[in-house]
Each structure stands twice: as C-alpha cells, then as structure tokens.
C-alpha cells in the first residue's frame, strides 16, 4: 500500500525529540498505516546511539514477546507496519536499501535542517530495488577479482553508476493534519513466529575442505561461504553453492543466492520463506582458528536465527579449527544489553562514567565470543 500522508503532529513530536537529543542522533519508532493509507498510529520513540537505531528496543515497544532473533521479532509485527526515523542534517532522501532488506516494509526518513523538518522520504520494498541491491553486491566484489587495470576500471565505473541509481530510489510523502493515537499492544493480534533452536555437533569434512580449498585458491584473505543444512545426526552438510566474498565478509544477498533465487525479494522474505529452518551459515576465517566475535554472532543467529560456523585455516589450507554460535537465551540477553549500553554512552557526565561504559561494552563483546563453541569435523 502506498502511503498517502503522515500526521503533522507525529512529525512535530519526532523533530522536537530529535532536537532535544541533539548531537546528530536519530529518533526512531514503529508506525502503522491505516486502511485509508495514512500514518497516524505509532509506538514509543527510541533514541539512536553510536550504532544507529536500537532495533530490538524499538520492536519491544510493540511486541509482548521479544525473545528471539531479529527476524523472529520482525515477523511478529502487524502487516501494516512502517519504520520511521529522523535524519538530522539531511533532507529525508533515502539512498540505501538496508532498511527494506531487513524489515521488508516501508521505511520513512524525516529530514531535519536548522531544527525543523524539511522533507519526509519513503522507500517501499519493491522487486526492482532488491534486484539493484543484488547487483550492487556483485559489483562490489568485481574490483577484487579484476586482474588488469582495465578490468578494475570497468568495475569501478559500474559501481559508480549504481551509486548514482540509488539517488532516485526514494519518494516523498505529504505531511497532513490528522489526529494521532498511541499504539496499544494487542497480544491476540500478534503472530507467534519462531524458529527451532538447532544444536550443531559438527560439520562434514568434505564440505569444510571444499570451502578452505576455494579460500586459498583466490586472493588471500577473502572469505568463502555457503548455506549448509543440519542433518538428522546433528552434522552440517553442503546445501548451497560456494560463494566468494571480500576481505573479511561475504555479502548477505550473494550468500543466499547460492541456495535460492532471491534477486527480487528482501532478505527477510528469503530467510522466512526460501531458506529452510535447518539452514546453517558456514564461512571461512583465513588466517584464524575459527574463533568468532560479536559481528559473526549478530550476522548469523542474532539477526537471522540460524547458527553460524567458522572454519579457520592457514595460507596453505591446513584447517586450524571449526566453531559454531547458535541462537540461545544468552545471546538474546547480550543483544539487548549491548543496545542498552549504546544508549547509555550519551548519559555519561564525566570521563570516569564513559570509561566504565566502554569497559562494559567490551565485556559484552567478549561474552559474545564465549558463545563460540568448538565442533567436530567428520
């Protein structure tokens, strides 16, 4: 449904809160589109932090059950949800598909200049934009695989063309005079969508060796990944094609494209409808032993609810270890705690307070690593 307008009073509330918060921080909330196509109902506002908006905190303002990965929480939202945030210092233009990829619902940005709203941009989850995102991921890696200056120049030229295409992906919605109302949690109306909690015993040796052999056959340091499936014996076997990523990462959409055609759908839809509940994300850690960190935990089970495995190896292809992080109550608690610490940074009154908060932040990051468990390669 195309949004016909957004309530002026809601815009004013967001802008006022954003101005009081200051320091370039954004404000976010979940809003709801009525049957006439207008936005006048909204949830509690949440303050943005060092890493942007705290999504889990924002979802908890609407949901009664906030146990689960980000995907599970999003899939419990009403179908008429929209995500709204302020953009201090900008005009409301949206040049990234990240929001629609994760939420698969309209994303709205309120541009703020000189302490007043100057534009309200909206981005809808459309097939053409997901195709653009898929192509962008492929082009990002082409410069890494280029073997001549000519090839790299062509890859960079195409990358620039795509960046220009992103300038026209968002539209503007009108601000109208409407009465606004606070959203009330309705347990009966919420969907109880969840994934099974998988326990991984190990990974098939042939699968692990294929990933590592591919990793050492390409540019040193580039990660290789694939979608695996947990069999009834508790071991992960190959299910998707091997995907070559970049230095220390594998693009999300490209990874899933090795298992299913997701060119014109969001990552949310892909992980909900195309990727099996028993799927496991498997990737290499060139130069490491397989020990993972918070980034791995949140990229896998924290966001998509699926376990993530790392295969550590040296430059000669000798496997140093294999580990897994699964979704657990501990990960759920750590994800919530990390968002809270991000918020508290701006409440520090002196260097001692900030030092304490930074130590807490690093401690939480260490606790994510503690969730990393060694598994067998058979």
Protein backbone atom coordinates (compact mmCIF):
# COMPACT_ATOMS: atom_id res chain seq x y z
CA UNK A 1 0.00 0.00 0.00
CA UNK A 2 1.30 3.45 -0.96
CA UNK A 3 1.27 5.92 1.92
CA UNK A 4 -0.95 8.94 1.23
CA UNK A 5 0.34 11.03 4.11
CA UNK A 6 1.73 11.20 7.62
CA UNK A 7 0.29 13.13 10.55
CA UNK A 8 1.89 16.54 11.09
CA UNK A 9 1.64 16.16 14.87
CA UNK A 10 3.71 12.96 14.72
CA UNK A 11 6.37 14.69 12.64
CA UNK A 12 6.48 17.56 15.12
CA UNK A 13 6.90 15.13 18.05
CA UNK A 14 9.79 13.35 16.36
CA UNK A 15 11.54 16.56 15.35
CA UNK A 16 11.14 18.04 18.83
CA UNK A 17 12.57 14.90 20.47
CA UNK A 18 15.44 14.78 17.96
CA UNK A 19 16.31 18.44 18.55
CA UNK A 20 16.37 17.95 22.32
CA UNK A 21 18.56 14.87 21.96
CA UNK A 22 21.00 16.74 19.73
CA UNK A 23 24.49 15.55 18.74
CA UNK A 24 23.23 14.35 15.35
CA UNK A 25 21.44 11.38 16.91
CA UNK A 26 18.34 9.98 15.26
CA UNK A 27 14.99 9.07 16.79
CA UNK A 28 13.04 6.03 15.65
CA UNK A 29 9.69 4.32 16.10
CA UNK A 30 7.30 1.88 14.50
CA UNK A 31 4.18 3.40 12.97
CA UNK A 32 1.10 1.90 11.39
CA UNK A 33 -0.70 2.58 8.12
CA UNK A 34 -4.49 2.82 8.42
CA UNK A 35 -6.97 1.46 5.87
CA UNK A 36 -7.09 4.84 4.12
CA UNK A 37 -3.32 4.87 3.63
CA UNK A 38 -2.36 7.40 6.31
CA UNK A 39 0.06 7.12 9.23
CA UNK A 40 -1.39 8.35 12.48
CA UNK A 41 -0.74 5.50 14.95
CA UNK A 42 2.69 4.98 16.45
CA UNK A 43 4.69 3.22 19.17
CA UNK A 44 7.06 4.62 21.78
CA UNK A 45 10.01 6.59 20.42
CA UNK A 46 13.53 5.27 20.96
CA UNK A 47 16.80 7.21 20.88
CA UNK A 48 19.51 6.32 18.42
CA UNK A 49 23.02 5.56 19.66
CA UNK A 50 26.55 5.06 18.40
CA UNK A 51 25.49 2.30 16.03
CA UNK A 52 22.23 3.85 14.84
CA UNK A 53 18.77 2.82 15.99
CA UNK A 54 18.37 0.01 18.55
CA UNK A 55 16.08 -2.26 16.54
CA UNK A 56 15.37 -4.75 19.32
CA UNK A 57 14.45 -1.94 21.70
CA UNK A 58 12.20 -0.41 19.06
CA UNK A 59 10.45 -3.74 18.45
CA UNK A 60 9.91 -4.28 22.18
CA UNK A 61 7.72 -1.16 22.21
CA UNK A 62 5.19 -3.08 20.09
CA UNK A 63 5.71 -6.77 20.90
CA UNK A 64 4.83 -8.68 24.04
CA UNK A 65 7.29 -11.48 23.23
CA UNK A 66 10.82 -10.18 22.49
CA UNK A 67 12.67 -13.49 22.83
CA UNK A 68 14.26 -14.44 19.55
CA UNK A 69 16.40 -13.30 16.68
CA UNK A 70 15.71 -10.01 14.91
CA UNK A 71 13.97 -11.94 12.10
CA UNK A 72 11.61 -13.63 14.56
CA UNK A 73 10.71 -10.31 16.16
CA UNK A 74 10.09 -8.61 12.82
CA UNK A 75 7.88 -11.49 11.67
CA UNK A 76 5.63 -10.91 14.70
CA UNK A 77 4.82 -7.34 13.64
CA UNK A 78 1.45 -6.29 12.20
CA UNK A 79 1.34 -6.31 8.39
CA UNK A 80 0.67 -2.55 8.23
CA UNK A 81 3.92 -1.58 9.98
CA UNK A 82 6.28 1.16 8.77
CA UNK A 83 9.65 2.15 10.25
CA UNK A 84 10.21 5.87 10.86
CA UNK A 85 13.42 7.64 11.86
CA UNK A 86 14.80 11.17 11.83
CA UNK A 87 17.83 12.22 9.78
CA UNK A 88 19.45 15.26 11.42
CA UNK A 89 21.46 17.29 8.93
CA UNK A 90 19.78 15.67 5.91
CA UNK A 91 16.65 16.32 3.86
CA UNK A 92 14.94 12.93 4.15
CA UNK A 93 16.32 11.39 0.96
CA UNK A 94 16.98 7.63 1.25
CA UNK A 95 19.90 6.15 -0.68
CA UNK A 96 20.21 2.71 0.91
CA UNK A 97 18.11 -0.45 0.65
CA UNK A 98 19.35 -1.79 4.01
CA UNK A 99 16.11 -0.98 5.83
CA UNK A 100 13.73 -2.62 3.37
CA UNK A 101 16.07 -5.61 3.11
CA UNK A 102 15.72 -6.34 6.81
CA UNK A 103 12.18 -5.15 7.60
CA UNK A 104 10.52 -5.62 4.19
CA UNK A 105 8.12 -2.75 4.94
CA UNK A 106 8.03 0.98 4.11
CA UNK A 107 10.97 2.92 5.54
CA UNK A 108 10.41 6.62 6.26
CA UNK A 109 13.07 9.25 6.94
CA UNK A 110 12.36 12.72 8.31
CA UNK A 111 15.00 15.19 7.21
CA UNK A 112 15.89 17.88 9.75
CA UNK A 113 17.74 21.09 8.91
CA UNK A 114 18.02 24.10 11.21
CA UNK A 115 15.86 22.27 13.79
CA UNK A 116 12.84 21.85 11.53
CA UNK A 117 11.51 19.16 9.21
CA UNK A 118 12.44 19.87 5.60
CA UNK A 119 11.31 16.66 3.90
CA UNK A 120 9.78 13.24 4.51
CA UNK A 121 11.19 10.50 2.31
CA UNK A 122 9.81 6.99 1.90
CA UNK A 123 11.24 3.80 0.46
CA UNK A 124 8.97 0.88 -0.42
CA UNK A 125 10.06 -2.77 -0.65
CA UNK A 126 9.92 -3.28 -4.43
CA UNK A 127 11.37 -6.00 -6.65
CA UNK A 128 13.42 -3.55 -8.69
CA UNK A 129 15.20 -2.29 -5.58
CA UNK A 130 16.10 -5.79 -4.40
CA UNK A 131 17.49 -6.53 -7.86
CA UNK A 132 19.55 -3.33 -7.58
CA UNK A 133 20.87 -4.44 -4.19
CA UNK A 134 21.80 -7.86 -5.57
CA UNK A 135 23.66 -6.34 -8.49
CA UNK A 136 25.45 -3.88 -6.18
CA UNK A 137 26.85 -6.73 -4.07
CA UNK A 138 28.23 -8.47 -7.15
CA UNK A 139 29.81 -5.28 -8.49
CA UNK A 140 31.46 -4.57 -5.11
CA UNK A 141 33.45 -7.77 -5.47
CA UNK A 142 34.39 -7.36 -9.13
CA UNK A 143 37.19 -4.92 -8.37
CA UNK A 144 38.73 -7.54 -6.06
CA UNK A 145 38.67 -10.20 -8.77
CA UNK A 146 39.94 -7.84 -11.50
CA UNK A 147 43.30 -8.97 -12.90
CA UNK A 148 44.08 -5.89 -15.01
CA UNK A 149 43.78 -2.15 -14.58
CA UNK A 150 41.20 -2.12 -17.38
CA UNK A 151 39.01 -4.67 -15.59
CA UNK A 152 39.21 -2.80 -12.31
CA UNK A 153 38.41 0.49 -14.00
CA UNK A 154 35.31 -1.07 -15.60
CA UNK A 155 34.21 -2.49 -12.24
CA UNK A 156 34.64 0.86 -10.51
CA UNK A 157 32.77 2.64 -13.30
CA UNK A 158 29.81 0.27 -12.93
CA UNK A 159 29.93 0.71 -9.15
CA UNK A 160 29.71 4.48 -9.59
CA UNK A 161 26.75 4.10 -11.98
CA UNK A 162 24.90 2.03 -9.40
CA UNK A 163 25.60 4.56 -6.64
CA UNK A 164 24.03 7.22 -8.85
CA UNK A 165 20.99 4.98 -9.39
CA UNK A 166 20.44 4.93 -5.62
CA UNK A 167 19.79 8.69 -5.68
CA UNK A 168 16.36 8.10 -7.25
CA UNK A 169 15.03 5.17 -5.23
CA UNK A 170 13.02 7.10 -2.63
CA UNK A 171 9.89 9.23 -2.93
CA UNK A 172 8.40 11.99 -0.78
CA UNK A 173 5.15 11.71 1.17
CA UNK A 174 2.95 14.65 2.21
CA UNK A 175 2.50 15.83 5.77
CA UNK A 176 -1.19 16.18 6.60
CA UNK A 177 -3.32 17.28 9.54
CA UNK A 178 -4.58 14.15 11.28
CA UNK A 179 -5.25 13.22 14.91
CA UNK A 180 -2.61 10.82 16.23
CA UNK A 181 -3.00 7.95 18.64
CA UNK A 182 -0.63 5.75 20.64
CA UNK A 183 -0.37 2.12 19.58
CA UNK A 184 -1.53 -0.33 22.25
CA UNK A 185 -0.04 -3.80 22.46
CA UNK A 186 -2.59 -6.41 21.48
CA UNK A 187 -1.40 -9.89 22.33
CA UNK A 188 -4.23 -11.55 20.41
CA UNK A 189 -3.27 -9.74 17.21
CA UNK A 190 0.41 -10.73 17.29
CA UNK A 191 1.87 -13.64 15.35
CA UNK A 192 3.89 -16.13 17.39
CA UNK A 193 6.51 -16.78 14.70
CA UNK A 194 9.66 -18.60 15.78
CA UNK A 195 12.46 -20.85 14.54
CA UNK A 196 13.66 -24.14 16.04
CA UNK A 197 16.73 -23.92 18.28
CA UNK A 198 19.30 -26.07 16.50
CA UNK A 199 22.23 -27.84 18.17
CA UNK A 200 25.21 -28.41 15.89
CA UNK A 201 27.56 -31.32 16.66
CA UNK A 202 29.89 -30.84 13.73
CA UNK A 203 30.41 -30.33 10.02
CA UNK A 204 31.16 -32.80 7.25
CA UNK A 205 34.87 -32.79 6.38
CA UNK A 206 34.28 -32.73 2.65
CA UNK A 207 32.21 -29.55 2.99
CA UNK A 208 34.79 -27.84 5.20
CA UNK A 209 37.67 -28.80 2.90
CA UNK A 210 35.83 -27.53 -0.19
CA UNK A 211 35.38 -24.13 1.47
CA UNK A 212 39.02 -23.94 2.54
CA UNK A 213 40.37 -25.09 -0.84
CA UNK A 214 38.32 -22.39 -2.53
CA UNK A 215 39.56 -19.84 0.01
CA UNK A 216 43.25 -20.49 -0.68
CA UNK A 217 42.75 -20.61 -4.46
CA UNK A 218 41.70 -16.97 -4.58
CA UNK A 219 43.07 -13.69 -3.26
CA UNK A 220 44.49 -14.25 0.24
CA UNK A 221 42.17 -13.03 2.99
CA UNK A 222 38.90 -13.28 1.06
CA UNK A 223 36.23 -15.27 2.86
CA UNK A 224 34.25 -18.08 1.24
CA UNK A 225 30.80 -19.10 2.47
CA UNK A 226 27.84 -21.34 1.72
CA UNK A 227 24.49 -22.32 3.12
CA UNK A 228 24.59 -25.68 4.90
CA UNK A 229 21.83 -27.91 6.24
CA UNK A 230 21.85 -29.67 9.60
CA UNK A 231 21.12 -33.36 9.05
CA UNK A 232 19.31 -35.67 11.48
CA UNK A 233 22.65 -36.72 13.03
CA UNK A 234 23.50 -33.15 14.03
CA UNK A 235 26.13 -32.53 11.35
CA UNK A 236 26.13 -29.81 8.71
CA UNK A 237 26.33 -30.80 5.06
CA UNK A 238 26.57 -28.60 2.00
CA UNK A 239 23.32 -27.25 0.56
CA UNK A 240 24.26 -24.10 -1.36
CA UNK A 241 26.98 -23.16 -3.83
CA UNK A 242 30.29 -21.82 -2.58
CA UNK A 243 30.26 -18.02 -2.65
CA UNK A 244 33.45 -15.96 -2.72
CA UNK A 245 33.22 -12.78 -0.66
CA UNK A 246 35.50 -9.90 0.17
CA UNK A 247 38.19 -9.27 2.75
CA UNK A 248 36.61 -10.45 5.99
CA UNK A 249 33.00 -10.59 4.78
CA UNK A 250 30.59 -12.28 2.39
CA UNK A 251 27.70 -10.12 1.08
CA UNK A 252 24.40 -11.26 2.59
CA UNK A 253 22.31 -11.45 -0.57
CA UNK A 254 25.07 -13.06 -2.58
CA UNK A 255 25.47 -15.77 0.07
CA UNK A 256 21.79 -16.75 -0.13
CA UNK A 257 21.79 -16.62 -3.93
CA UNK A 258 23.97 -19.73 -3.81
CA UNK A 259 20.99 -21.61 -2.38
CA UNK A 260 17.92 -19.97 -3.93
CA UNK A 261 16.96 -17.25 -6.38
CA UNK A 262 16.40 -14.21 -4.15
CA UNK A 263 17.14 -11.48 -6.70
CA UNK A 264 13.80 -9.70 -6.35
CA UNK A 265 12.91 -10.34 -2.69
CA UNK A 266 14.10 -8.98 0.65
CA UNK A 267 16.46 -10.82 2.98
CA UNK A 268 13.56 -11.04 5.44
CA UNK A 269 11.40 -12.89 2.90
CA UNK A 270 14.33 -15.06 1.83
CA UNK A 271 15.15 -16.22 5.36
CA UNK A 272 11.45 -16.65 6.15
CA UNK A 273 10.22 -18.49 3.04
CA UNK A 274 13.19 -19.61 0.92
CA UNK A 275 15.86 -20.71 3.40
CA UNK A 276 15.00 -23.81 5.49
CA UNK A 277 14.70 -23.54 9.27
CA UNK A 278 17.52 -26.13 9.50
CA UNK A 279 19.91 -23.94 7.50
CA UNK A 280 23.33 -23.03 8.87
CA UNK A 281 25.62 -20.25 7.63
CA UNK A 282 29.15 -21.58 7.06
CA UNK A 283 32.16 -19.40 6.25
CA UNK A 284 35.95 -19.45 6.34
CA UNK A 285 38.27 -17.47 8.61
CA UNK A 286 41.51 -17.15 6.62
CA UNK A 287 44.47 -16.84 8.98
CA UNK A 288 42.36 -17.73 12.03
CA UNK A 289 41.40 -20.78 14.06
CA UNK A 290 37.65 -20.33 13.71
CA UNK A 291 37.04 -18.25 16.84
CA UNK A 292 34.19 -15.84 16.16
CA UNK A 293 33.21 -12.47 17.60
CA UNK A 294 30.12 -10.36 18.12
CA UNK A 295 29.91 -9.44 14.44
CA UNK A 296 29.61 -13.11 13.46
CA UNK A 297 27.07 -13.77 16.19
CA UNK A 298 24.81 -10.91 15.15
CA UNK A 299 25.21 -11.53 11.41
CA UNK A 300 24.06 -15.13 11.86
CA UNK A 301 21.86 -16.20 14.79
CA UNK A 302 21.39 -12.71 16.21
CA UNK A 303 19.74 -11.37 13.06
CA UNK A 304 18.54 -14.39 11.07
CA UNK A 305 18.14 -17.01 13.80
CA UNK A 306 20.41 -19.54 12.06
CA UNK A 307 23.62 -20.96 13.56
CA UNK A 308 26.88 -19.72 12.06
CA UNK A 309 30.03 -21.83 11.62
CA UNK A 310 33.58 -20.59 11.03
CA UNK A 311 36.35 -22.75 9.55
CA UNK A 312 39.78 -21.38 10.50
CA UNK A 313 42.72 -22.18 8.23
CA UNK A 314 46.21 -21.02 7.31
CA UNK A 315 47.55 -19.88 3.94
CA UNK A 316 48.41 -23.46 2.98
CA UNK A 317 44.87 -24.68 3.57
CA UNK A 318 45.50 -26.51 6.82
CA UNK A 319 42.36 -26.37 8.95
CA UNK A 320 43.04 -25.00 12.44
CA UNK A 321 39.57 -25.44 13.88
CA UNK A 322 35.82 -25.19 13.41
CA UNK A 323 33.38 -23.41 15.73
CA UNK A 324 29.69 -22.58 15.91
CA UNK A 325 27.49 -19.93 17.52
CA UNK A 326 23.83 -20.88 17.87
CA UNK A 327 20.92 -18.74 18.98
CA UNK A 328 20.41 -19.02 22.73
CA UNK A 329 18.87 -17.19 25.65
CA UNK A 330 22.37 -15.92 26.49
CA UNK A 331 22.75 -14.38 23.02
CA UNK A 332 19.29 -12.83 23.35
CA UNK A 333 20.28 -11.20 26.66
CA UNK A 334 23.63 -9.97 25.32
CA UNK A 335 21.99 -8.41 22.24
CA UNK A 336 19.58 -6.48 24.47
CA UNK A 337 22.34 -5.43 26.87
CA UNK A 338 24.53 -4.16 24.05
CA UNK A 339 21.76 -1.91 22.74
CA UNK A 340 21.23 -0.51 26.23
CA UNK A 341 24.94 0.28 26.63
CA UNK A 342 24.90 2.07 23.27
CA UNK A 343 22.15 4.33 24.65
CA UNK A 344 23.89 5.00 27.95
CA UNK A 345 27.02 6.41 26.31
CA UNK A 346 25.32 9.75 25.86
CA UNK A 347 24.31 9.87 29.51
CA UNK A 348 27.89 9.86 30.77
CA UNK A 349 28.60 13.04 32.78
CA UNK A 350 32.36 12.64 33.10
CA UNK A 351 35.33 10.63 31.74
CA UNK A 352 35.02 8.09 34.56
CA UNK A 353 31.42 7.29 33.57
CA UNK A 354 32.36 6.91 29.92
CA UNK A 355 35.33 4.70 30.82
CA UNK A 356 33.02 2.43 32.82
CA UNK A 357 30.55 2.20 29.96
CA UNK A 358 33.27 1.45 27.41
CA UNK A 359 34.56 -1.35 29.63
CA UNK A 360 31.05 -2.77 29.87
CA UNK A 361 30.72 -2.61 26.11
CA UNK A 362 33.97 -4.53 25.57
CA UNK A 363 32.98 -7.04 28.25
CA UNK A 364 29.74 -7.76 26.39
CA UNK A 365 31.73 -8.21 23.17
CA UNK A 366 33.94 -10.72 25.00
CA UNK A 367 30.85 -12.56 26.23
CA UNK A 368 29.69 -12.97 22.63
CA UNK A 369 32.99 -14.74 21.91
CA UNK A 370 32.31 -17.05 24.87
CA UNK A 371 29.24 -18.29 22.98
CA UNK A 372 31.59 -19.65 20.31
CA UNK A 373 31.84 -23.45 20.70
CA UNK A 374 34.30 -25.81 19.00
CA UNK A 375 32.73 -28.55 16.88
CA UNK A 376 33.92 -31.73 15.17
CA UNK A 377 34.91 -32.12 11.55
CA UNK A 378 33.99 -35.65 10.42
